[in-house]
Amino acid sequence: MRRDPQAPLCGISPLLGIPLSAACVGESFHGDAVGDGGAACEGCRVDFIAAHWYACDRPALERNLGELERYRRPISLTEFSRGDGADRSPEAQAATMREAVPLLESDPDVFRYAWFSGRTEAIPNVDLLGASGELTALGALHVSLPHPERCGP
């Protein structure tokens, strides 16, 4: 978040977001970083809220999105997958994706989202790409899920 975003960018004004932590199991880690629509940072421009989500089920994602919507800004879910919980099997990751993507696609406050990750060792069985860049089974599932055409925040 910059107080004067245009000055250092020579007139270019990209969208600016404020990152907030993920929340899970009924707990809130979002804090009041943007307060009531950004009032906590007087003079700051906040175009959207950026957050991560690693919880295990759709109700947790719905709770998290509901909490983020109180800031009255578009939501960018910059990373999501099944990173929490004991079962992080390929089947569990696929189930999480099947539950989350339709919800994210249908929520008018979510303007973008990204699965975590293309390739990583941080969370088991989340890779969308294999070693040679080919789609994994999870990557193929992601590509096959309905993604309506829409543009912009």
Protein backbone atom coordinates (compact mmCIF):
# COMPACT_ATOMS: atom_id res chain seq x y z
CA MET A 1 0.00 0.00 0.00
CA ARG A 2 1.41 3.36 -0.99
CA ARG A 3 0.22 6.74 0.20
CA ASP A 4 1.05 8.37 -3.16
CA PRO A 5 0.97 5.54 -5.70
CA GLN A 6 1.19 7.69 -8.83
CA ALA A 7 4.36 9.67 -8.00
CA PRO A 8 6.95 6.86 -8.09
CA LEU A 9 5.35 5.25 -11.13
CA CYS A 10 5.51 8.25 -13.47
CA GLY A 11 1.77 8.50 -13.97
CA ILE A 12 1.11 4.78 -14.24
CA SER A 13 -1.53 3.78 -11.72
CA PRO A 14 -1.83 -0.01 -11.30
CA LEU A 15 -4.38 -1.54 -8.95
CA LEU A 16 -3.05 -1.60 -5.40
CA GLY A 17 -4.07 -4.25 -2.89
CA ILE A 18 -3.50 -4.80 0.77
CA PRO A 19 -2.45 -8.32 1.79
CA LEU A 20 -4.32 -9.97 4.64
CA SER A 21 -3.58 -13.31 6.29
CA ALA A 22 -5.76 -16.36 5.95
CA ALA A 23 -8.38 -17.32 8.51
CA CYS A 24 -9.41 -20.85 9.42
CA VAL A 25 -11.56 -22.75 11.90
CA GLY A 26 -13.60 -19.73 12.92
CA GLU A 27 -10.59 -17.64 13.88
CA SER A 28 -9.87 -14.29 12.28
CA PHE A 29 -6.37 -13.19 11.42
CA HIS A 30 -7.49 -10.35 9.15
CA GLY A 31 -7.24 -7.67 11.82
CA ASP A 32 -8.19 -4.10 11.01
CA ALA A 33 -5.54 -3.35 8.41
CA VAL A 34 -8.04 -1.59 6.21
CA GLY A 35 -10.59 -0.97 8.95
CA ASP A 36 -13.88 0.38 7.72
CA GLY A 37 -13.17 0.46 4.00
CA GLY A 38 -9.63 1.75 4.41
CA ALA A 39 -10.15 4.29 7.19
CA ALA A 40 -7.34 2.69 9.25
CA CYS A 41 -4.83 4.09 6.76
CA GLU A 42 -5.83 7.65 6.10
CA GLY A 43 -4.76 8.79 2.65
CA CYS A 44 -3.99 5.26 1.45
CA ARG A 45 -5.51 3.86 -1.70
CA VAL A 46 -6.75 0.29 -1.41
CA ASP A 47 -8.27 -1.05 -4.63
CA PHE A 48 -8.60 -4.68 -3.54
CA ILE A 49 -7.93 -7.15 -0.73
CA ALA A 50 -5.38 -9.92 -1.31
CA ALA A 51 -5.54 -13.04 0.86
CA HIS A 52 -4.45 -16.68 1.04
CA TRP A 53 -6.64 -19.63 2.04
CA TYR A 54 -5.43 -23.12 2.98
CA ALA A 55 -8.37 -24.51 4.95
CA CYS A 56 -10.03 -27.81 4.30
CA ASP A 57 -13.61 -27.29 3.25
CA ARG A 58 -16.14 -25.09 1.52
CA PRO A 59 -17.74 -23.78 4.75
CA ALA A 60 -14.34 -22.48 5.88
CA LEU A 61 -13.83 -20.77 2.51
CA GLU A 62 -17.33 -19.26 2.64
CA ARG A 63 -16.61 -17.93 6.16
CA ASN A 64 -13.28 -16.49 5.03
CA LEU A 65 -14.78 -14.78 1.97
CA GLY A 66 -17.63 -13.41 4.08
CA GLU A 67 -15.15 -11.87 6.47
CA LEU A 68 -13.13 -10.36 3.62
CA GLU A 69 -16.27 -8.91 2.05
CA ARG A 70 -16.74 -6.61 5.05
CA TYR A 71 -13.96 -4.43 3.63
CA ARG A 72 -16.13 -3.62 0.60
CA ARG A 73 -13.29 -4.15 -1.86
CA PRO A 74 -12.80 -6.73 -4.62
CA ILE A 75 -11.04 -9.89 -3.40
CA SER A 76 -7.97 -11.48 -4.92
CA LEU A 77 -7.40 -14.94 -3.44
CA THR A 78 -3.72 -15.00 -4.32
CA GLU A 79 -3.14 -18.58 -3.12
CA PHE A 80 -5.47 -21.39 -2.15
CA SER A 81 -5.23 -25.15 -1.68
CA ARG A 82 -5.76 -27.76 1.01
CA GLY A 83 -2.70 -26.89 3.07
CA ASP A 84 -4.25 -27.39 6.51
CA GLY A 85 -5.55 -30.61 7.97
CA ALA A 86 -4.25 -34.13 8.10
CA ASP A 87 -5.53 -35.33 4.72
CA ARG A 88 -3.58 -33.65 1.92
CA SER A 89 -3.81 -36.61 -0.42
CA PRO A 90 -4.28 -36.13 -4.18
CA GLU A 91 -7.95 -37.01 -3.74
CA ALA A 92 -8.38 -34.44 -0.96
CA GLN A 93 -6.67 -31.72 -3.02
CA ALA A 94 -8.94 -32.52 -5.98
CA ALA A 95 -12.03 -32.42 -3.74
CA THR A 96 -10.97 -29.02 -2.40
CA MET A 97 -10.50 -27.70 -5.92
CA ARG A 98 -13.89 -29.08 -7.05
CA GLU A 99 -15.59 -27.34 -4.10
CA ALA A 100 -13.68 -24.05 -4.21
CA VAL A 101 -13.53 -23.13 -7.91
CA PRO A 102 -17.32 -22.97 -8.49
CA LEU A 103 -17.71 -20.89 -5.34
CA LEU A 104 -14.93 -18.50 -6.36
CA GLU A 105 -16.28 -18.24 -9.90
CA SER A 106 -19.78 -17.42 -8.66
CA ASP A 107 -18.80 -14.89 -5.98
CA PRO A 108 -19.10 -11.40 -7.51
CA ASP A 109 -16.64 -10.01 -4.93
CA VAL A 110 -13.83 -12.37 -6.04
CA PHE A 111 -12.17 -10.90 -9.11
CA ARG A 112 -9.25 -13.34 -9.31
CA TYR A 113 -7.81 -16.39 -7.63
CA ALA A 114 -4.82 -18.70 -8.00
CA TRP A 115 -4.26 -22.28 -6.90
CA PHE A 116 -1.15 -22.88 -4.81
CA SER A 117 0.92 -23.96 -6.66
CA GLY A 118 2.24 -24.77 -10.11
CA ARG A 119 5.09 -26.71 -8.51
CA THR A 120 6.09 -26.74 -4.85
CA GLU A 121 7.33 -28.95 -2.05
CA ALA A 122 5.66 -26.76 0.61
CA ILE A 123 2.32 -28.61 0.52
CA PRO A 124 1.95 -32.21 -0.68
CA ASN A 125 0.02 -33.06 -3.84
CA VAL A 126 -0.86 -29.52 -4.99
CA ASP A 127 1.26 -29.33 -8.14
CA LEU A 128 -0.59 -28.36 -11.31
CA LEU A 129 2.50 -29.03 -13.45
CA GLY A 130 4.81 -32.01 -13.68
CA ALA A 131 8.60 -31.85 -13.93
CA SER A 132 8.53 -31.30 -17.70
CA GLY A 133 5.74 -28.73 -17.58
CA GLU A 134 2.96 -31.17 -18.44
CA LEU A 135 -0.33 -30.96 -16.56
CA THR A 136 -0.66 -33.26 -13.57
CA ALA A 137 -4.01 -34.93 -12.90
CA LEU A 138 -4.83 -31.98 -10.62
CA GLY A 139 -3.77 -29.53 -13.33
CA ALA A 140 -6.01 -31.28 -15.84
CA LEU A 141 -8.88 -31.10 -13.35
CA HIS A 142 -8.31 -27.36 -12.89
CA VAL A 143 -8.34 -26.75 -16.64
CA SER A 144 -11.52 -28.83 -17.01
CA LEU A 145 -13.55 -26.95 -14.40
CA PRO A 146 -16.02 -24.35 -15.67
CA HIS A 147 -14.49 -20.90 -15.89
CA PRO A 148 -17.00 -18.36 -17.21
CA GLU A 149 -15.68 -15.61 -19.44
CA ARG A 150 -15.39 -12.35 -17.54
CA CYS A 151 -13.02 -9.44 -17.57
CA GLY A 152 -11.77 -6.95 -15.00
CA PRO A 153 -12.38 -6.46 -11.30
